[in-house]
PDB file of N, CA and C in Angstrom:
ATOM      1  N   MET A   1     142.158  83.503  68.656  1.00  0.00           N
ATOM      2  CA  MET A   1     141.884  84.531  67.735  1.00  0.00           C
ATOM      3  C   MET A   1     141.055  85.815  67.810  1.00  0.00           C
ATOM      4  N   VAL A   2     141.200  86.788  67.482  1.00  0.00           N
ATOM      5  CA  VAL A   2     140.836  88.215  67.892  1.00  0.00           C
ATOM      6  C   VAL A   2     139.790  88.746  66.542  1.00  0.00           C
ATOM      7  N   GLU A   3     138.663  88.835  67.096  1.00  0.00           N
ATOM      8  CA  GLU A   3     137.626  89.491  65.882  1.00  0.00           C
ATOM      9  C   GLU A   3     137.781  90.841  65.789  1.00  0.00           C
ATOM     10  N   VAL A   4     137.933  91.375  64.403  1.00  0.00           N
ATOM     11  CA  VAL A   4     138.019  92.687  64.322  1.00  0.00           C
ATOM     12  C   VAL A   4     136.783  93.307  63.607  1.00  0.00           C
ATOM     13  N   ILE A   5     136.177  94.184  64.016  1.00  0.00           N
ATOM     14  CA  ILE A   5     134.647  94.547  63.437  1.00  0.00           C
ATOM     15  C   ILE A   5     135.096  95.696  62.640  1.00  0.00           C
ATOM     16  N   CYS A   6     134.650  95.352  61.336  1.00  0.00           N
ATOM     17  CA  CYS A   6     135.056  96.321  60.247  1.00  0.00           C
ATOM     18  C   CYS A   6     133.810  97.144  59.969  1.00  0.00           C
ATOM     19  N   ASP A   7     134.190  98.295  59.673  1.00  0.00           N
ATOM     20  CA  ASP A   7     132.875  99.340  59.249  1.00  0.00           C
ATOM     21  C   ASP A   7     133.078  99.631  57.763  1.00  0.00           C
ATOM     22  N   THR A   8     132.009 100.272  57.109  1.00  0.00           N
ATOM     23  CA  THR A   8     131.753 100.335  55.769  1.00  0.00           C
ATOM     24  C   THR A   8     132.916 100.962  55.001  1.00  0.00           C
ATOM     25  N   SER A   9     133.671 101.977  55.346  1.00  0.00           N
ATOM     26  CA  SER A   9     134.802 102.640  54.664  1.00  0.00           C
ATOM     27  C   SER A   9     135.991 101.679  54.760  1.00  0.00           C
ATOM     28  N   PHE A  10     136.472 100.979  55.708  1.00  0.00           N
ATOM     29  CA  PHE A  10     137.243  99.932  55.746  1.00  0.00           C
ATOM     30  C   PHE A  10     137.087  99.220  55.014  1.00  0.00           C
ATOM     31  N   LEU A  11     136.196  98.496  54.732  1.00  0.00           N
ATOM     32  CA  LEU A  11     135.668  97.390  53.898  1.00  0.00           C
ATOM     33  C   LEU A  11     135.955  97.704  52.391  1.00  0.00           C
ATOM     34  N   ILE A  12     135.670  99.018  52.139  1.00  0.00           N
ATOM     35  CA  ILE A  12     135.560  99.229  50.697  1.00  0.00           C
ATOM     36  C   ILE A  12     137.023  99.479  50.416  1.00  0.00           C
ATOM     37  N   HIS A  13     137.897 100.188  51.164  1.00  0.00           N
ATOM     38  CA  HIS A  13     139.305 100.279  51.023  1.00  0.00           C
ATOM     39  C   HIS A  13     140.136  98.906  51.181  1.00  0.00           C
ATOM     40  N   LEU A  14     139.696  98.137  51.959  1.00  0.00           N
ATOM     41  CA  LEU A  14     140.394  96.565  51.851  1.00  0.00           C
ATOM     42  C   LEU A  14     140.009  96.121  50.530  1.00  0.00           C
ATOM     43  N   ALA A  15     138.733  96.178  49.883  1.00  0.00           N
ATOM     44  CA  ALA A  15     138.579  95.471  48.771  1.00  0.00           C
ATOM     45  C   ALA A  15     139.032  96.055  47.445  1.00  0.00           C
ATOM     46  N   THR A  16     139.260  97.778  47.562  1.00  0.00           N
ATOM     47  CA  THR A  16     139.565  98.263  46.150  1.00  0.00           C
ATOM     48  C   THR A  16     140.896  98.631  46.215  1.00  0.00           C
ATOM     49  N   LYS A  17     141.512  98.445  47.202  1.00  0.00           N
ATOM     50  CA  LYS A  17     142.943  99.045  47.006  1.00  0.00           C
ATOM     51  C   LYS A  17     144.231  97.901  47.336  1.00  0.00           C
ATOM     52  N   ARG A  18     145.330  98.107  46.996  1.00  0.00           N
ATOM     53  CA  ARG A  18     146.317  97.038  47.213  1.00  0.00           C
ATOM     54  C   ARG A  18     146.915  97.323  48.416  1.00  0.00           C
ATOM     55  N   ILE A  19     146.731  96.369  49.158  1.00  0.00           N
ATOM     56  CA  ILE A  19     147.153  96.402  50.594  1.00  0.00           C
ATOM     57  C   ILE A  19     148.310  95.427  50.936  1.00  0.00           C
ATOM     58  N   LYS A  20     149.573  96.256  51.185  1.00  0.00           N
ATOM     59  CA  LYS A  20     151.049  95.516  51.305  1.00  0.00           C
ATOM     60  C   LYS A  20     150.968  94.443  52.293  1.00  0.00           C
ATOM     61  N   ASN A  21     150.334  94.441  53.270  1.00  0.00           N
ATOM     62  CA  ASN A  21     150.889  93.537  54.278  1.00  0.00           C
ATOM     63  C   ASN A  21     149.563  92.575  54.886  1.00  0.00           C
ATOM     64  N   ILE A  22     148.606  92.412  53.701  1.00  0.00           N
ATOM     65  CA  ILE A  22     147.461  91.558  53.874  1.00  0.00           C
ATOM     66  C   ILE A  22     147.793  90.205  54.258  1.00  0.00           C
ATOM     67  N   ASP A  23     148.856  89.794  53.646  1.00  0.00           N
ATOM     68  CA  ASP A  23     149.280  88.171  53.705  1.00  0.00           C
ATOM     69  C   ASP A  23     150.122  88.059  54.965  1.00  0.00           C
ATOM     70  N   THR A  24     150.537  88.731  55.539  1.00  0.00           N
ATOM     71  CA  THR A  24     151.279  88.877  56.744  1.00  0.00           C
ATOM     72  C   THR A  24     150.652  89.243  58.071  1.00  0.00           C
ATOM     73  N   LEU A  25     149.465  89.526  58.041  1.00  0.00           N
ATOM     74  CA  LEU A  25     148.846  90.034  59.410  1.00  0.00           C
ATOM     75  C   LEU A  25     148.941  89.354  60.354  1.00  0.00           C
ATOM     76  N   ASP A  26     149.020  87.908  60.282  1.00  0.00           N
ATOM     77  CA  ASP A  26     148.948  87.110  61.408  1.00  0.00           C
ATOM     78  C   ASP A  26     150.159  87.255  62.113  1.00  0.00           C
ATOM     79  N   THR A  27     151.262  87.611  61.571  1.00  0.00           N
ATOM     80  CA  THR A  27     152.520  87.278  62.347  1.00  0.00           C
ATOM     81  C   THR A  27     152.825  88.944  62.473  1.00  0.00           C
ATOM     82  N   GLU A  28     152.354  89.908  62.047  1.00  0.00           N
ATOM     83  CA  GLU A  28     152.627  91.275  62.396  1.00  0.00           C
ATOM     84  C   GLU A  28     151.720  91.713  63.736  1.00  0.00           C
ATOM     85  N   ILE A  29     150.523  91.518  63.432  1.00  0.00           N
ATOM     86  CA  ILE A  29     149.562  91.742  64.557  1.00  0.00           C
ATOM     87  C   ILE A  29     148.790  90.674  65.364  1.00  0.00           C
ATOM     88  N   GLY A  30     148.989  89.282  65.006  1.00  0.00           N
ATOM     89  CA  GLY A  30     148.375  88.397  65.593  1.00  0.00           C
ATOM     90  C   GLY A  30     147.262  87.685  64.799  1.00  0.00           C
ATOM     91  N   SER A  31     146.816  86.625  65.335  1.00  0.00           N
ATOM     92  CA  SER A  31     145.622  86.066  64.492  1.00  0.00           C
ATOM     93  C   SER A  31     144.199  86.655  64.881  1.00  0.00           C
ATOM     94  N   ILE A  32     143.770  87.278  63.525  1.00  0.00           N
ATOM     95  CA  ILE A  32     142.600  87.925  63.675  1.00  0.00           C
ATOM     96  C   ILE A  32     141.609  87.343  62.268  1.00  0.00           C
ATOM     97  N   THR A  33     140.304  87.565  62.881  1.00  0.00           N
ATOM     98  CA  THR A  33     139.270  87.571  61.906  1.00  0.00           C
ATOM     99  C   THR A  33     138.540  88.794  61.784  1.00  0.00           C
ATOM    100  N   PHE A  34     137.969  89.014  60.314  1.00  0.00           N
ATOM    101  CA  PHE A  34     137.362  90.412  60.112  1.00  0.00           C
ATOM    102  C   PHE A  34     135.863  89.982  60.161  1.00  0.00           C
ATOM    103  N   THR A  35     135.146  90.512  60.821  1.00  0.00           N
ATOM    104  CA  THR A  35     133.805  90.616  61.159  1.00  0.00           C
ATOM    105  C   THR A  35     133.016  91.545  60.448  1.00  0.00           C
ATOM    106  N   ILE A  36     131.729  91.477  59.752  1.00  0.00           N
ATOM    107  CA  ILE A  36     130.974  92.616  59.723  1.00  0.00           C
ATOM    108  C   ILE A  36     129.627  92.744  60.445  1.00  0.00           C
ATOM    109  N   PRO A  37     129.241  93.801  60.904  1.00  0.00           N
ATOM    110  CA  PRO A  37     128.072  93.827  61.627  1.00  0.00           C
ATOM    111  C   PRO A  37     126.730  93.855  60.436  1.00  0.00           C
ATOM    112  N   GLN A  38     125.792  93.393  60.555  1.00  0.00           N
ATOM    113  CA  GLN A  38     124.632  93.172  59.923  1.00  0.00           C
ATOM    114  C   GLN A  38     124.178  94.637  59.168  1.00  0.00           C
ATOM    115  N   VAL A  39     124.406  95.796  60.355  1.00  0.00           N
ATOM    116  CA  VAL A  39     124.047  97.262  59.962  1.00  0.00           C
ATOM    117  C   VAL A  39     125.050  97.484  58.912  1.00  0.00           C
ATOM    118  N   VAL A  40     126.221  97.268  58.617  1.00  0.00           N
ATOM    119  CA  VAL A  40     127.089  97.468  57.881  1.00  0.00           C
ATOM    120  C   VAL A  40     126.874  96.708  56.461  1.00  0.00           C
ATOM    121  N   LEU A  41     126.543  95.687  56.614  1.00  0.00           N
ATOM    122  CA  LEU A  41     126.190  95.046  55.240  1.00  0.00           C
ATOM    123  C   LEU A  41     125.109  95.422  54.550  1.00  0.00           C
ATOM    124  N   ASN A  42     123.997  95.771  55.398  1.00  0.00           N
ATOM    125  CA  ASN A  42     122.737  96.585  55.098  1.00  0.00           C
ATOM    126  C   ASN A  42     123.408  97.933  54.419  1.00  0.00           C
ATOM    127  N   GLU A  43     123.925  98.562  54.808  1.00  0.00           N
ATOM    128  CA  GLU A  43     124.491  99.938  54.466  1.00  0.00           C
ATOM    129  C   GLU A  43     125.485  99.768  52.912  1.00  0.00           C
ATOM    130  N   LEU A  44     126.160  98.804  52.641  1.00  0.00           N
ATOM    131  CA  LEU A  44     126.576  98.321  51.426  1.00  0.00           C
ATOM    132  C   LEU A  44     125.734  97.843  50.561  1.00  0.00           C
ATOM    133  N   ASN A  45     124.672  97.365  50.942  1.00  0.00           N
ATOM    134  CA  ASN A  45     123.526  97.169  49.629  1.00  0.00           C
ATOM    135  C   ASN A  45     122.909  98.259  49.311  1.00  0.00           C
ATOM    136  N   LYS A  46     122.844  99.102  50.221  1.00  0.00           N
ATOM    137  CA  LYS A  46     122.113 100.554  49.852  1.00  0.00           C
ATOM    138  C   LYS A  46     123.076 101.265  48.937  1.00  0.00           C
ATOM    139  N   LEU A  47     124.373 101.060  48.949  1.00  0.00           N
ATOM    140  CA  LEU A  47     125.188 101.764  48.584  1.00  0.00           C
ATOM    141  C   LEU A  47     125.392 101.296  47.013  1.00  0.00           C
ATOM    142  N   GLU A  48     125.261  99.910  47.234  1.00  0.00           N
ATOM    143  CA  GLU A  48     125.398  99.038  45.515  1.00  0.00           C
ATOM    144  C   GLU A  48     124.380  99.944  44.505  1.00  0.00           C
ATOM    145  N   LYS A  49     123.312 100.541  44.983  1.00  0.00           N
ATOM    146  CA  LYS A  49     122.462 100.962  44.190  1.00  0.00           C
ATOM    147  C   LYS A  49     122.555 102.320  43.660  1.00  0.00           C
ATOM    148  N   ILE A  50     123.722 103.013  44.175  1.00  0.00           N
ATOM    149  CA  ILE A  50     123.877 104.197  43.649  1.00  0.00           C
ATOM    150  C   ILE A  50     125.276 103.850  42.258  1.00  0.00           C
ATOM    151  N   PRO A  51     124.522 104.428  41.287  1.00  0.00           N
ATOM    152  CA  PRO A  51     125.199 104.103  39.882  1.00  0.00           C
ATOM    153  C   PRO A  51     126.963 104.316  40.072  1.00  0.00           C
ATOM    154  N   GLU A  52     127.524 105.591  40.555  1.00  0.00           N
ATOM    155  CA  GLU A  52     128.925 106.131  40.558  1.00  0.00           C
ATOM    156  C   GLU A  52     129.443 105.013  41.689  1.00  0.00           C
ATOM    157  N   LYS A  53     128.795 104.514  42.487  1.00  0.00           N
ATOM    158  CA  LYS A  53     129.514 103.735  43.581  1.00  0.00           C
ATOM    159  C   LYS A  53     129.209 102.106  43.433  1.00  0.00           C
ATOM    160  N   GLN A  54     128.549 101.637  42.546  1.00  0.00           N
ATOM    161  CA  GLN A  54     127.942 100.377  42.256  1.00  0.00           C
ATOM    162  C   GLN A  54     129.239  99.514  41.888  1.00  0.00           C
ATOM    163  N   GLN A  55     130.344 100.015  41.200  1.00  0.00           N
ATOM    164  CA  GLN A  55     131.381  99.176  40.982  1.00  0.00           C
ATOM    165  C   GLN A  55     132.296  98.726  42.019  1.00  0.00           C
ATOM    166  N   ASP A  56     132.631  99.614  42.879  1.00  0.00           N
ATOM    167  CA  ASP A  56     133.632  99.485  44.227  1.00  0.00           C
ATOM    168  C   ASP A  56     132.613  98.838  45.315  1.00  0.00           C
ATOM    169  N   ILE A  57     131.432  98.860  45.518  1.00  0.00           N
ATOM    170  CA  ILE A  57     130.588  98.188  46.191  1.00  0.00           C
ATOM    171  C   ILE A  57     130.268  96.781  45.963  1.00  0.00           C
ATOM    172  N   SER A  58     130.103  96.510  44.482  1.00  0.00           N
ATOM    173  CA  SER A  58     130.113  95.254  44.042  1.00  0.00           C
ATOM    174  C   SER A  58     131.562  94.451  44.326  1.00  0.00           C
ATOM    175  N   ARG A  59     132.334  95.087  44.301  1.00  0.00           N
ATOM    176  CA  ARG A  59     133.733  94.438  44.271  1.00  0.00           C
ATOM    177  C   ARG A  59     134.035  94.275  45.941  1.00  0.00           C
ATOM    178  N   THR A  60     133.481  95.071  46.752  1.00  0.00           N
ATOM    179  CA  THR A  60     133.476  94.779  48.106  1.00  0.00           C
ATOM    180  C   THR A  60     132.545  93.481  48.632  1.00  0.00           C
ATOM    181  N   LEU A  61     131.366  93.696  47.979  1.00  0.00           N
ATOM    182  CA  LEU A  61     130.674  92.744  48.686  1.00  0.00           C
ATOM    183  C   LEU A  61     131.100  91.192  48.019  1.00  0.00           C
ATOM    184  N   ASN A  62     131.657  91.162  47.009  1.00  0.00           N
ATOM    185  CA  ASN A  62     132.269  90.012  46.596  1.00  0.00           C
ATOM    186  C   ASN A  62     133.252  89.555  47.324  1.00  0.00           C
ATOM    187  N   TYR A  63     134.414  90.741  47.664  1.00  0.00           N
ATOM    188  CA  TYR A  63     135.341  90.251  48.599  1.00  0.00           C
ATOM    189  C   TYR A  63     135.122  89.745  49.978  1.00  0.00           C
ATOM    190  N   ILE A  64     133.894  90.146  50.544  1.00  0.00           N
ATOM    191  CA  ILE A  64     133.736  89.907  52.020  1.00  0.00           C
ATOM    192  C   ILE A  64     132.578  88.780  51.820  1.00  0.00           C
ATOM    193  N   LYS A  65     132.577  88.229  50.925  1.00  0.00           N
ATOM    194  CA  LYS A  65     131.470  86.745  51.128  1.00  0.00           C
ATOM    195  C   LYS A  65     131.590  85.894  52.011  1.00  0.00           C
ATOM    196  N   LYS A  66     133.056  85.750  52.390  1.00  0.00           N
ATOM    197  CA  LYS A  66     132.937  84.463  53.341  1.00  0.00           C
ATOM    198  C   LYS A  66     133.477  85.388  54.864  1.00  0.00           C
ATOM    199  N   PHE A  67     133.191  86.495  54.939  1.00  0.00           N
ATOM    200  CA  PHE A  67     133.234  87.083  56.270  1.00  0.00           C
ATOM    201  C   PHE A  67     132.520  86.832  57.143  1.00  0.00           C
ATOM    202  N   LYS A  68     132.419  86.487  58.642  1.00  0.00           N
ATOM    203  CA  LYS A  68     131.347  86.478  59.290  1.00  0.00           C
ATOM    204  C   LYS A  68     130.598  87.596  59.629  1.00  0.00           C
ATOM    205  N   VAL A  69     129.228  87.549  59.608  1.00  0.00           N
ATOM    206  CA  VAL A  69     128.288  88.712  59.950  1.00  0.00           C
ATOM    207  C   VAL A  69     127.776  88.343  61.241  1.00  0.00           C
ATOM    208  N   ILE A  70     128.033  89.438  61.995  1.00  0.00           N
ATOM    209  CA  ILE A  70     127.452  89.480  63.324  1.00  0.00           C
ATOM    210  C   ILE A  70     126.390  90.351  63.384  1.00  0.00           C
ATOM    211  N   PRO A  71     125.490  89.846  64.531  1.00  0.00           N
ATOM    212  CA  PRO A  71     124.060  90.868  64.680  1.00  0.00           C
ATOM    213  C   PRO A  71     124.246  92.064  65.427  1.00  0.00           C
ATOM    214  N   ILE A  72     124.879  92.959  64.567  1.00  0.00           N
ATOM    215  CA  ILE A  72     124.734  94.419  65.266  1.00  0.00           C
ATOM    216  C   ILE A  72     123.858  95.036  64.083  1.00  0.00           C
ATOM    217  N   LYS A  73     122.727  95.604  64.695  1.00  0.00           N
ATOM    218  CA  LYS A  73     121.478  95.910  63.985  1.00  0.00           C
ATOM    219  C   LYS A  73     121.390  97.440  64.078  1.00  0.00           C
ATOM    220  N   GLY A  74     120.318  97.974  63.432  1.00  0.00           N
ATOM    221  CA  GLY A  74     120.200  99.460  63.412  1.00  0.00           C
ATOM    222  C   GLY A  74     120.236 100.069  62.225  1.00  0.00           C
ATOM    223  N   SER A  75     120.227 101.339  62.043  1.00  0.00           N
ATOM    224  CA  SER A  75     119.944 102.134  60.700  1.00  0.00           C
ATOM    225  C   SER A  75     120.997 102.736  60.762  1.00  0.00           C
ATOM    226  N   PHE A  76     122.094 103.105  61.628  1.00  0.00           N
ATOM    227  CA  PHE A  76     123.397 104.070  61.122  1.00  0.00           C
ATOM    228  C   PHE A  76     124.426 103.252  61.763  1.00  0.00           C
ATOM    229  N   ALA A  77     125.436 102.945  60.932  1.00  0.00           N
ATOM    230  CA  ALA A  77     126.451 101.858  61.573  1.00  0.00           C
ATOM    231  C   ALA A  77     127.410 102.402  62.647  1.00  0.00           C
ATOM    232  N   ASP A  78     127.604 103.717  62.219  1.00  0.00           N
ATOM    233  CA  ASP A  78     128.610 104.388  63.202  1.00  0.00           C
ATOM    234  C   ASP A  78     128.192 104.300  64.625  1.00  0.00           C
ATOM    235  N   LYS A  79     126.637 104.854  64.925  1.00  0.00           N
ATOM    236  CA  LYS A  79     126.399 104.798  66.111  1.00  0.00           C
ATOM    237  C   LYS A  79     125.844 103.206  66.819  1.00  0.00           C
ATOM    238  N   GLU A  80     125.954 102.334  65.841  1.00  0.00           N
ATOM    239  CA  GLU A  80     125.766 101.039  66.322  1.00  0.00           C
ATOM    240  C   GLU A  80     127.078 100.370  66.742  1.00  0.00           C
ATOM    241  N   LEU A  81     127.930 100.684  66.046  1.00  0.00           N
ATOM    242  CA  LEU A  81     129.700 100.300  66.440  1.00  0.00           C
ATOM    243  C   LEU A  81     129.701 100.899  67.788  1.00  0.00           C
ATOM    244  N   ILE A  82     129.565 102.331  68.207  1.00  0.00           N
ATOM    245  CA  ILE A  82     129.900 102.775  69.279  1.00  0.00           C
ATOM    246  C   ILE A  82     129.043 102.145  70.279  1.00  0.00           C
ATOM    247  N   GLU A  83     127.986 101.897  70.115  1.00  0.00           N
ATOM    248  CA  GLU A  83     126.946 101.441  71.335  1.00  0.00           C
ATOM    249  C   GLU A  83     127.557  99.853  71.644  1.00  0.00           C
ATOM    250  N   TYR A  84     128.273  99.208  70.576  1.00  0.00           N
ATOM    251  CA  TYR A  84     128.454  97.975  70.738  1.00  0.00           C
ATOM    252  C   TYR A  84     129.727  98.012  71.645  1.00  0.00           C
ATOM    253  N   ILE A  85     130.763  98.797  71.320  1.00  0.00           N
ATOM    254  CA  ILE A  85     131.885  98.797  72.059  1.00  0.00           C
ATOM    255  C   ILE A  85     131.900  99.228  73.449  1.00  0.00           C
ATOM    256  N   LYS A  86     130.957 100.154  73.671  1.00  0.00           N
ATOM    257  CA  LYS A  86     130.574 100.468  75.218  1.00  0.00           C
ATOM    258  C   LYS A  86     130.575  99.107  76.136  1.00  0.00           C
ATOM    259  N   ASN A  87     129.973  97.922  75.386  1.00  0.00           N
ATOM    260  CA  ASN A  87     129.655  96.934  76.226  1.00  0.00           C
ATOM    261  C   ASN A  87     130.624  95.732  75.985  1.00  0.00           C
ATOM    262  N   HIS A  88     131.461  95.733  74.942  1.00  0.00           N
ATOM    263  CA  HIS A  88     132.212  94.937  74.462  1.00  0.00           C
ATOM    264  C   HIS A  88     133.637  95.369  74.070  1.00  0.00           C
ATOM    265  N   ARG A  89     134.589  95.126  74.991  1.00  0.00           N
ATOM    266  CA  ARG A  89     136.018  95.670  74.233  1.00  0.00           C
ATOM    267  C   ARG A  89     136.481  95.060  73.106  1.00  0.00           C
ATOM    268  N   SER A  90     136.591  95.948  71.950  1.00  0.00           N
ATOM    269  CA  SER A  90     136.690  95.157  70.579  1.00  0.00           C
ATOM    270  C   SER A  90     137.735  96.166  69.765  1.00  0.00           C
ATOM    271  N   ILE A  91     138.140  95.811  68.758  1.00  0.00           N
ATOM    272  CA  ILE A  91     138.998  96.350  67.975  1.00  0.00           C
ATOM    273  C   ILE A  91     137.795  96.540  66.577  1.00  0.00           C
ATOM    274  N   VAL A  92     137.933  97.891  65.993  1.00  0.00           N
ATOM    275  CA  VAL A  92     137.124  98.325  65.194  1.00  0.00           C
ATOM    276  C   VAL A  92     137.910  98.764  64.227  1.00  0.00           C
ATOM    277  N   ALA A  93     137.659  98.367  62.562  1.00  0.00           N
ATOM    278  CA  ALA A  93     138.656  98.531  61.762  1.00  0.00           C
ATOM    279  C   ALA A  93     137.961  99.720  61.073  1.00  0.00           C
ATOM    280  N   THR A  94     138.301 100.879  60.765  1.00  0.00           N
ATOM    281  CA  THR A  94     137.827 102.057  60.223  1.00  0.00           C
ATOM    282  C   THR A  94     138.880 103.053  59.713  1.00  0.00           C
ATOM    283  N   ILE A  95     138.486 103.772  58.420  1.00  0.00           N
ATOM    284  CA  ILE A  95     139.234 104.796  58.524  1.00  0.00           C
ATOM    285  C   ILE A  95     138.544 106.360  58.725  1.00  0.00           C
ATOM    286  N   ASP A  96     137.272 106.307  59.279  1.00  0.00           N
ATOM    287  CA  ASP A  96     136.564 107.527  59.566  1.00  0.00           C
ATOM    288  C   ASP A  96     137.055 107.960  60.668  1.00  0.00           C
ATOM    289  N   LYS A  97     137.767 109.202  60.522  1.00  0.00           N
ATOM    290  CA  LYS A  97     138.200 109.971  61.620  1.00  0.00           C
ATOM    291  C   LYS A  97     137.547 110.315  62.770  1.00  0.00           C
ATOM    292  N   GLU A  98     136.162 110.564  62.479  1.00  0.00           N
ATOM    293  CA  GLU A  98     135.086 111.183  63.563  1.00  0.00           C
ATOM    294  C   GLU A  98     134.962 109.732  64.330  1.00  0.00           C
ATOM    295  N   LEU A  99     134.784 108.607  63.803  1.00  0.00           N
ATOM    296  CA  LEU A  99     134.341 107.289  64.334  1.00  0.00           C
ATOM    297  C   LEU A  99     135.618 106.874  65.201  1.00  0.00           C
ATOM    298  N   LYS A 100     137.126 106.979  64.625  1.00  0.00           N
ATOM    299  CA  LYS A 100     138.159 106.853  65.381  1.00  0.00           C
ATOM    300  C   LYS A 100     138.152 107.746  66.695  1.00  0.00           C
ATOM    301  N   LYS A 101     137.735 108.989  66.797  1.00  0.00           N
ATOM    302  CA  LYS A 101     137.730 109.662  67.960  1.00  0.00           C
ATOM    303  C   LYS A 101     136.713 109.099  68.887  1.00  0.00           C
ATOM    304  N   GLN A 102     135.614 108.755  68.490  1.00  0.00           N
ATOM    305  CA  GLN A 102     134.569 108.156  69.438  1.00  0.00           C
ATOM    306  C   GLN A 102     134.751 107.063  70.309  1.00  0.00           C
ATOM    307  N   ILE A 103     135.653 105.880  69.010  1.00  0.00           N
ATOM    308  CA  ILE A 103     136.014 104.862  69.683  1.00  0.00           C
ATOM    309  C   ILE A 103     137.217 104.787  70.844  1.00  0.00           C
ATOM    310  N   LYS A 104     137.994 105.734  70.527  1.00  0.00           N
ATOM    311  CA  LYS A 104     138.924 106.150  71.579  1.00  0.00           C
ATOM    312  C   LYS A 104     138.294 106.673  72.634  1.00  0.00           C
ATOM    313  N   ASN A 105     137.456 107.590  72.637  1.00  0.00           N
ATOM    314  CA  ASN A 105     136.623 107.936  73.978  1.00  0.00           C
ATOM    315  C   ASN A 105     136.001 106.883  74.865  1.00  0.00           C
ATOM    316  N   HIS A 106     136.065 105.716  74.105  1.00  0.00           N
ATOM    317  CA  HIS A 106     135.023 104.788  74.789  1.00  0.00           C
ATOM    318  C   HIS A 106     136.141 103.584  75.106  1.00  0.00           C
ATOM    319  N   ASN A 107     137.313 103.776  75.104  1.00  0.00           N
ATOM    320  CA  ASN A 107     138.583 102.867  75.233  1.00  0.00           C
ATOM    321  C   ASN A 107     138.488 101.521  74.298  1.00  0.00           C
ATOM    322  N   GLY A 108     137.943 101.952  73.191  1.00  0.00           N
ATOM    323  CA  GLY A 108     137.955 100.447  72.024  1.00  0.00           C
ATOM    324  C   GLY A 108     139.353 100.729  71.249  1.00  0.00           C
ATOM    325  N   SER A 109     139.926  99.657  70.657  1.00  0.00           N
ATOM    326  CA  SER A 109     141.010  99.714  70.102  1.00  0.00           C
ATOM    327  C   SER A 109     140.812 100.039  68.499  1.00  0.00           C
ATOM    328  N   ILE A 110     141.608 100.590  67.613  1.00  0.00           N
ATOM    329  CA  ILE A 110     141.185 100.871  66.146  1.00  0.00           C
ATOM    330  C   ILE A 110     142.343 100.038  65.127  1.00  0.00           C
ATOM    331  N   MET A 111     141.681  99.599  64.201  1.00  0.00           N
ATOM    332  CA  MET A 111     142.665  99.005  63.046  1.00  0.00           C
ATOM    333  C   MET A 111     142.395 100.105  61.994  1.00  0.00           C
ATOM    334  N   SER A 112     143.461 100.530  61.132  1.00  0.00           N
ATOM    335  CA  SER A 112     143.189 101.488  59.951  1.00  0.00           C
ATOM    336  C   SER A 112     144.171 101.329  58.760  1.00  0.00           C
ATOM    337  N   PHE A 113     144.523 101.831  58.069  1.00  0.00           N
ATOM    338  CA  PHE A 113     145.572 101.689  57.165  1.00  0.00           C
ATOM    339  C   PHE A 113     146.558 103.029  57.448  1.00  0.00           C
ATOM    340  N   SER A 114     147.637 102.754  56.738  1.00  0.00           N
ATOM    341  CA  SER A 114     148.822 103.906  56.709  1.00  0.00           C
ATOM    342  C   SER A 114     149.844 103.562  55.614  1.00  0.00           C
ATOM    343  N   ASN A 115     149.864 104.224  54.972  1.00  0.00           N
ATOM    344  CA  ASN A 115     151.068 103.897  53.555  1.00  0.00           C
ATOM    345  C   ASN A 115     150.640 102.397  52.865  1.00  0.00           C
ATOM    346  N   ASP A 116     149.361 102.196  52.847  1.00  0.00           N
ATOM    347  CA  ASP A 116     148.752 100.868  52.034  1.00  0.00           C
ATOM    348  C   ASP A 116     149.085  99.858  52.852  1.00  0.00           C
ATOM    349  N   ARG A 117     149.163 100.065  54.353  1.00  0.00           N
ATOM    350  CA  ARG A 117     149.593  98.904  55.385  1.00  0.00           C
ATOM    351  C   ARG A 117     148.549  98.903  56.358  1.00  0.00           C
ATOM    352  N   ILE A 118     147.585  97.647  56.422  1.00  0.00           N
ATOM    353  CA  ILE A 118     146.762  97.531  57.831  1.00  0.00           C
ATOM    354  C   ILE A 118     147.632  98.036  59.218  1.00  0.00           C
ATOM    355  N   ILE A 119     147.367  98.511  60.036  1.00  0.00           N
ATOM    356  CA  ILE A 119     147.579  99.093  61.167  1.00  0.00           C
ATOM    357  C   ILE A 119     146.957  99.023  62.562  1.00  0.00           C
ATOM    358  N   LEU A 120     147.687  98.478  63.541  1.00  0.00           N
ATOM    359  CA  LEU A 120     146.815  98.639  64.745  1.00  0.00           C
ATOM    360  C   LEU A 120     146.775 100.057  65.391  1.00  0.00           C
ATOM    361  N   GLU A 121     145.987 100.833  65.910  1.00  0.00           N
ATOM    362  CA  GLU A 121     146.411 102.425  65.985  1.00  0.00           C
ATOM    363  C   GLU A 121     146.496 102.386  67.787  1.00  0.00           C
ATOM    364  N   SER A 122     145.579 101.645  68.328  1.00  0.00           N
ATOM    365  CA  SER A 122     145.414 101.877  69.899  1.00  0.00           C
ATOM    366  C   SER A 122     144.818 100.510  70.335  1.00  0.00           C
TER     367      SER A 122
END
């Protein structure tokens, strides 16, 4: 089983949009588990306090209740994810273009969305 580390943008999209292949991921990509860094969970909790984001963030927090939380701490999620993949070959799930570029520069793999489907980019 491969652990996929999710960033904030990916989780919000996953929880609030209809994803066509969510039920067939294991056969398309292989057996995966979505994990959440503590820094991303902290970021979501901060975002929930913003009135215009509260509904999407509440839905996201409810959706990810059973996801495994991993101890990647810090104050800025993107920076901490990059530091983590420098030392551990990992798949990072994101829709953030800048973060994708940095992950590729450090030979990490990326999971993202395309046409309402989850895809493995590299």
